[in-house]
């Protein structure tokens, strides 16, 4: 299955849990707002990460994961300094 742009967003009341979720997302994603992260990954990998993140949630907290298809990405807008992750076949080191 192809990679898609995945958007993770959360609302977590407890500081410790919020920091833990942010740290876990920072390992795989780009932070685009305080509680919004973007990355390219396969849907199965996003589900696996979401389940791991959800273990940090308490009643009243929320976690949302949105899959942005190529067609949706073409219709999306972004303003500000953080670019959307680009689909590429190589990495510059």
C-alpha atoms as a PDB file:
ATOM      1  CA  UNK A   1       0.000   0.000   0.000  1.00  0.00           C
ATOM      2  CA  UNK A   2       1.294   3.476  -0.864  1.00  0.00           C
ATOM      3  CA  UNK A   3       2.220   6.120   1.640  1.00  0.00           C
ATOM      4  CA  UNK A   4      -0.172   8.996   2.240  1.00  0.00           C
ATOM      5  CA  UNK A   5       0.082  12.252   4.078  1.00  0.00           C
ATOM      6  CA  UNK A   6      -1.129  11.485   7.599  1.00  0.00           C
ATOM      7  CA  UNK A   7      -2.146  14.223  10.020  1.00  0.00           C
ATOM      8  CA  UNK A   8      -2.101  13.490  13.759  1.00  0.00           C
ATOM      9  CA  UNK A   9      -3.732  15.923  16.145  1.00  0.00           C
ATOM     10  CA  UNK A  10      -4.521  15.666  19.833  1.00  0.00           C
ATOM     11  CA  UNK A  11      -6.052  17.415  22.818  1.00  0.00           C
ATOM     12  CA  UNK A  12      -4.559  16.020  26.031  1.00  0.00           C
ATOM     13  CA  UNK A  13      -5.104  17.594  29.443  1.00  0.00           C
ATOM     14  CA  UNK A  14      -2.228  16.092  31.474  1.00  0.00           C
ATOM     15  CA  UNK A  15       1.202  17.627  30.839  1.00  0.00           C
ATOM     16  CA  UNK A  16       3.100  14.350  31.208  1.00  0.00           C
ATOM     17  CA  UNK A  17       0.898  12.430  28.769  1.00  0.00           C
ATOM     18  CA  UNK A  18       0.892  15.361  26.324  1.00  0.00           C
ATOM     19  CA  UNK A  19       4.714  15.510  26.376  1.00  0.00           C
ATOM     20  CA  UNK A  20       4.969  11.749  25.875  1.00  0.00           C
ATOM     21  CA  UNK A  21       2.620  11.812  22.861  1.00  0.00           C
ATOM     22  CA  UNK A  22       4.491  14.785  21.374  1.00  0.00           C
ATOM     23  CA  UNK A  23       7.840  13.022  21.825  1.00  0.00           C
ATOM     24  CA  UNK A  24       6.551   9.863  20.150  1.00  0.00           C
ATOM     25  CA  UNK A  25       5.166  11.872  17.228  1.00  0.00           C
ATOM     26  CA  UNK A  26       8.367  13.927  16.863  1.00  0.00           C
ATOM     27  CA  UNK A  27      10.246  10.669  16.173  1.00  0.00           C
ATOM     28  CA  UNK A  28       8.216  10.068  12.978  1.00  0.00           C
ATOM     29  CA  UNK A  29       6.482  13.324  12.087  1.00  0.00           C
ATOM     30  CA  UNK A  30       6.934  17.041  11.481  1.00  0.00           C
ATOM     31  CA  UNK A  31       5.259  19.340  14.006  1.00  0.00           C
ATOM     32  CA  UNK A  32       3.223  21.941  12.121  1.00  0.00           C
ATOM     33  CA  UNK A  33       1.348  23.377  15.111  1.00  0.00           C
ATOM     34  CA  UNK A  34       1.506  22.763  18.860  1.00  0.00           C
ATOM     35  CA  UNK A  35      -0.642  19.640  18.720  1.00  0.00           C
ATOM     36  CA  UNK A  36      -0.667  18.914  14.975  1.00  0.00           C
ATOM     37  CA  UNK A  37       1.865  16.679  13.229  1.00  0.00           C
ATOM     38  CA  UNK A  38       2.230  15.570   9.597  1.00  0.00           C
ATOM     39  CA  UNK A  39       4.098  12.682   8.022  1.00  0.00           C
ATOM     40  CA  UNK A  40       4.012  10.351   5.063  1.00  0.00           C
ATOM     41  CA  UNK A  41       3.367   6.749   5.990  1.00  0.00           C
ATOM     42  CA  UNK A  42       1.305   3.737   5.081  1.00  0.00           C
ATOM     43  CA  UNK A  43      -2.156   3.477   6.610  1.00  0.00           C
ATOM     44  CA  UNK A  44      -1.179   0.325   8.546  1.00  0.00           C
ATOM     45  CA  UNK A  45       1.796   2.147  10.097  1.00  0.00           C
ATOM     46  CA  UNK A  46      -0.438   5.091  11.044  1.00  0.00           C
ATOM     47  CA  UNK A  47      -2.892   2.730  12.754  1.00  0.00           C
ATOM     48  CA  UNK A  48      -0.048   1.084  14.670  1.00  0.00           C
ATOM     49  CA  UNK A  49       1.304   4.464  15.809  1.00  0.00           C
ATOM     50  CA  UNK A  50      -2.191   5.687  16.738  1.00  0.00           C
ATOM     51  CA  UNK A  51      -2.792   2.632  18.931  1.00  0.00           C
ATOM     52  CA  UNK A  52       0.523   3.282  20.687  1.00  0.00           C
ATOM     53  CA  UNK A  53      -0.378   6.948  21.220  1.00  0.00           C
ATOM     54  CA  UNK A  54      -3.894   6.125  22.412  1.00  0.00           C
ATOM     55  CA  UNK A  55      -2.471   4.218  25.385  1.00  0.00           C
ATOM     56  CA  UNK A  56      -1.378   7.602  26.778  1.00  0.00           C
ATOM     57  CA  UNK A  57      -4.909   9.053  26.701  1.00  0.00           C
ATOM     58  CA  UNK A  58      -7.184   9.544  29.685  1.00  0.00           C
ATOM     59  CA  UNK A  59     -10.957   9.995  29.664  1.00  0.00           C
ATOM     60  CA  UNK A  60     -11.738  13.351  28.036  1.00  0.00           C
ATOM     61  CA  UNK A  61      -8.550  13.377  25.902  1.00  0.00           C
ATOM     62  CA  UNK A  62      -8.723  13.014  22.135  1.00  0.00           C
ATOM     63  CA  UNK A  63      -6.509  11.855  19.302  1.00  0.00           C
ATOM     64  CA  UNK A  64      -7.413  12.232  15.624  1.00  0.00           C
ATOM     65  CA  UNK A  65      -5.612  10.791  12.606  1.00  0.00           C
ATOM     66  CA  UNK A  66      -6.513  12.009   9.125  1.00  0.00           C
ATOM     67  CA  UNK A  67      -5.339  10.412   5.876  1.00  0.00           C
ATOM     68  CA  UNK A  68      -4.888  12.918   3.050  1.00  0.00           C
ATOM     69  CA  UNK A  69      -5.008  11.288  -0.381  1.00  0.00           C
ATOM     70  CA  UNK A  70      -3.180  12.689  -3.419  1.00  0.00           C
ATOM     71  CA  UNK A  71      -6.443  14.238  -4.610  1.00  0.00           C
ATOM     72  CA  UNK A  72      -7.065  15.824  -1.208  1.00  0.00           C
ATOM     73  CA  UNK A  73      -3.515  17.116  -1.034  1.00  0.00           C
ATOM     74  CA  UNK A  74      -3.934  18.850  -4.404  1.00  0.00           C
ATOM     75  CA  UNK A  75      -6.917  20.741  -2.947  1.00  0.00           C
ATOM     76  CA  UNK A  76      -5.209  21.581   0.360  1.00  0.00           C
ATOM     77  CA  UNK A  77      -3.704  24.905   1.340  1.00  0.00           C
ATOM     78  CA  UNK A  78      -0.865  25.598   3.762  1.00  0.00           C
ATOM     79  CA  UNK A  79       0.456  28.958   4.924  1.00  0.00           C
ATOM     80  CA  UNK A  80       3.444  29.477   7.164  1.00  0.00           C
ATOM     81  CA  UNK A  81       7.026  28.305   7.463  1.00  0.00           C
ATOM     82  CA  UNK A  82       6.548  24.543   7.880  1.00  0.00           C
ATOM     83  CA  UNK A  83       6.222  22.787   4.506  1.00  0.00           C
ATOM     84  CA  UNK A  84       4.129  19.703   3.974  1.00  0.00           C
ATOM     85  CA  UNK A  85       6.323  16.601   3.778  1.00  0.00           C
ATOM     86  CA  UNK A  86       7.144  15.952   0.141  1.00  0.00           C
ATOM     87  CA  UNK A  87       6.916  12.555  -1.479  1.00  0.00           C
ATOM     88  CA  UNK A  88      10.421  11.601  -2.589  1.00  0.00           C
ATOM     89  CA  UNK A  89      12.485   8.578  -3.498  1.00  0.00           C
ATOM     90  CA  UNK A  90      15.660   9.763  -1.760  1.00  0.00           C
ATOM     91  CA  UNK A  91      16.935  11.483   1.370  1.00  0.00           C
ATOM     92  CA  UNK A  92      19.624  14.143   1.602  1.00  0.00           C
ATOM     93  CA  UNK A  93      22.049  13.661   4.479  1.00  0.00           C
END
